[in-house]
Amino acid sequence: VDAAALRASARPAAPRPQFAQLHAELRSWEESLGEPASTLRLSADLEAGGTAAALAREEAWQQGSATFLRRLEIAYVGFEDVVCPLQLALYEVKHGLRLQAMAASPTVVAAQD
């Protein structure tokens, strides 16, 4: 029995199903950069005049979300039915935040693009 247990423990772990990985990645996004409360707070800060700190947060959010979108596109090709609507929604949020940032400080945002 000990030899069988030793052989079993030496085997590599079975790969996680790709959908489970997608779900875990989406949860991680929601708990970090995509957290609704912090995204809404960023939107409110931009709408309130867009301080330099808010504009910097918006730029970091844009870069982080672009990286996340590329990752979804590359890693989850077989899940277009799930990924495409999520990508569309995220692009809409990106667009809205960028419009707010441009309204708050058009020269700073234009220089970043």
Protein backbone atom coordinates (compact mmCIF):
# COMPACT_ATOMS: atom_id res chain seq x y z
CA VAL A 1 0.00 0.00 0.00
CA ASP A 2 2.83 2.39 0.82
CA ALA A 3 4.47 1.84 -2.56
CA ALA A 4 1.17 2.50 -4.36
CA ALA A 5 0.62 5.69 -2.37
CA LEU A 6 4.15 6.82 -3.16
CA ARG A 7 3.63 6.22 -6.91
CA ALA A 8 0.31 8.06 -6.83
CA SER A 9 1.84 11.06 -5.06
CA ALA A 10 4.67 11.21 -7.61
CA ARG A 11 2.23 11.63 -10.50
CA PRO A 12 1.61 15.15 -11.68
CA ALA A 13 -1.73 16.59 -10.71
CA ALA A 14 -4.45 16.26 -13.30
CA PRO A 15 -4.84 19.47 -15.28
CA ARG A 16 -7.74 21.65 -14.20
CA PRO A 17 -10.54 21.89 -16.72
CA GLN A 18 -10.12 25.05 -18.78
CA PHE A 19 -13.57 26.38 -17.85
CA ALA A 20 -12.65 26.14 -14.17
CA GLN A 21 -9.50 28.14 -14.93
CA LEU A 22 -11.55 30.76 -16.77
CA HIS A 23 -13.94 31.01 -13.85
CA ALA A 24 -11.06 31.38 -11.38
CA GLU A 25 -9.45 34.07 -13.52
CA LEU A 26 -12.71 36.01 -13.80
CA ARG A 27 -13.19 35.82 -10.02
CA SER A 28 -9.66 37.05 -9.50
CA TRP A 29 -10.31 39.98 -11.87
CA GLU A 30 -13.52 40.83 -10.04
CA GLU A 31 -11.68 40.86 -6.72
CA SER A 32 -8.85 43.07 -7.96
CA LEU A 33 -8.85 45.57 -10.82
CA GLY A 34 -12.41 44.80 -11.86
CA GLU A 35 -13.94 45.23 -8.42
CA PRO A 36 -17.23 47.07 -9.05
CA ALA A 37 -16.97 49.42 -6.05
CA SER A 38 -13.46 50.60 -6.92
CA THR A 39 -14.34 51.01 -10.60
CA LEU A 40 -17.38 53.09 -9.66
CA ARG A 41 -15.23 55.11 -7.25
CA LEU A 42 -12.75 55.79 -10.07
CA SER A 43 -15.62 56.89 -12.30
CA ALA A 44 -16.92 59.24 -9.60
CA ASP A 45 -13.44 60.69 -9.06
CA LEU A 46 -13.05 61.35 -12.77
CA GLU A 47 -16.51 62.90 -12.96
CA ALA A 48 -15.69 65.15 -10.00
CA GLY A 49 -12.88 66.82 -11.88
CA GLY A 50 -10.20 64.24 -12.38
CA THR A 51 -7.28 64.95 -10.08
CA ALA A 52 -3.82 63.87 -11.19
CA ALA A 53 -4.15 60.82 -8.93
CA ALA A 54 -7.49 59.85 -10.50
CA LEU A 55 -6.05 60.25 -14.00
CA ALA A 56 -3.08 58.07 -13.05
CA ARG A 57 -5.45 55.42 -11.63
CA GLU A 58 -7.49 55.54 -14.83
CA GLU A 59 -4.38 55.02 -16.96
CA ALA A 60 -3.27 52.09 -14.78
CA TRP A 61 -6.80 50.66 -15.00
CA GLN A 62 -6.72 50.97 -18.80
CA GLN A 63 -3.38 49.17 -19.02
CA GLY A 64 -4.39 46.42 -16.61
CA SER A 65 -7.70 45.81 -18.34
CA ALA A 66 -5.99 45.71 -21.75
CA THR A 67 -3.65 43.01 -20.45
CA PHE A 68 -6.60 41.08 -19.05
CA LEU A 69 -8.48 41.34 -22.37
CA ARG A 70 -5.47 40.03 -24.29
CA ARG A 71 -5.17 37.14 -21.85
CA LEU A 72 -8.83 36.21 -22.31
CA GLU A 73 -8.45 36.36 -26.08
CA ILE A 74 -5.37 34.14 -26.15
CA ALA A 75 -6.01 31.66 -23.35
CA TYR A 76 -9.71 30.91 -23.83
CA VAL A 77 -10.20 30.59 -27.57
CA GLY A 78 -12.71 27.76 -27.17
CA PHE A 79 -15.03 29.78 -24.94
CA GLU A 80 -16.17 32.58 -27.24
CA ASP A 81 -19.75 32.22 -26.00
CA VAL A 82 -18.59 33.26 -22.52
CA VAL A 83 -15.57 35.43 -23.28
CA CYS A 84 -16.97 37.64 -26.07
CA PRO A 85 -19.79 39.20 -24.01
CA LEU A 86 -17.34 39.79 -21.16
CA GLN A 87 -14.88 41.43 -23.52
CA LEU A 88 -17.60 43.65 -24.95
CA ALA A 89 -18.68 44.74 -21.48
CA LEU A 90 -15.12 45.47 -20.45
CA TYR A 91 -14.46 47.47 -23.63
CA GLU A 92 -17.55 49.54 -22.85
CA VAL A 93 -16.28 50.29 -19.34
CA LYS A 94 -12.83 51.13 -20.74
CA HIS A 95 -14.42 53.51 -23.23
CA GLY A 96 -16.58 55.17 -20.60
CA LEU A 97 -13.68 55.71 -18.21
CA ARG A 98 -11.51 57.10 -21.01
CA LEU A 99 -14.28 59.52 -22.02
CA GLN A 100 -14.56 60.70 -18.42
CA ALA A 101 -10.78 61.12 -18.17
CA MET A 102 -10.70 63.07 -21.42
CA ALA A 103 -13.48 65.34 -20.20
CA ALA A 104 -11.58 65.94 -16.95
CA SER A 105 -8.22 66.64 -18.58
CA PRO A 106 -8.14 66.39 -22.38
CA THR A 107 -4.48 67.39 -22.76
CA VAL A 108 -3.12 64.84 -20.28
CA VAL A 109 -5.13 61.94 -21.70
CA ALA A 110 -4.37 62.89 -25.31
CA ALA A 111 -0.66 62.86 -24.50
CA GLN A 112 -0.98 59.31 -23.10
CA ASP A 113 -2.72 57.97 -26.22
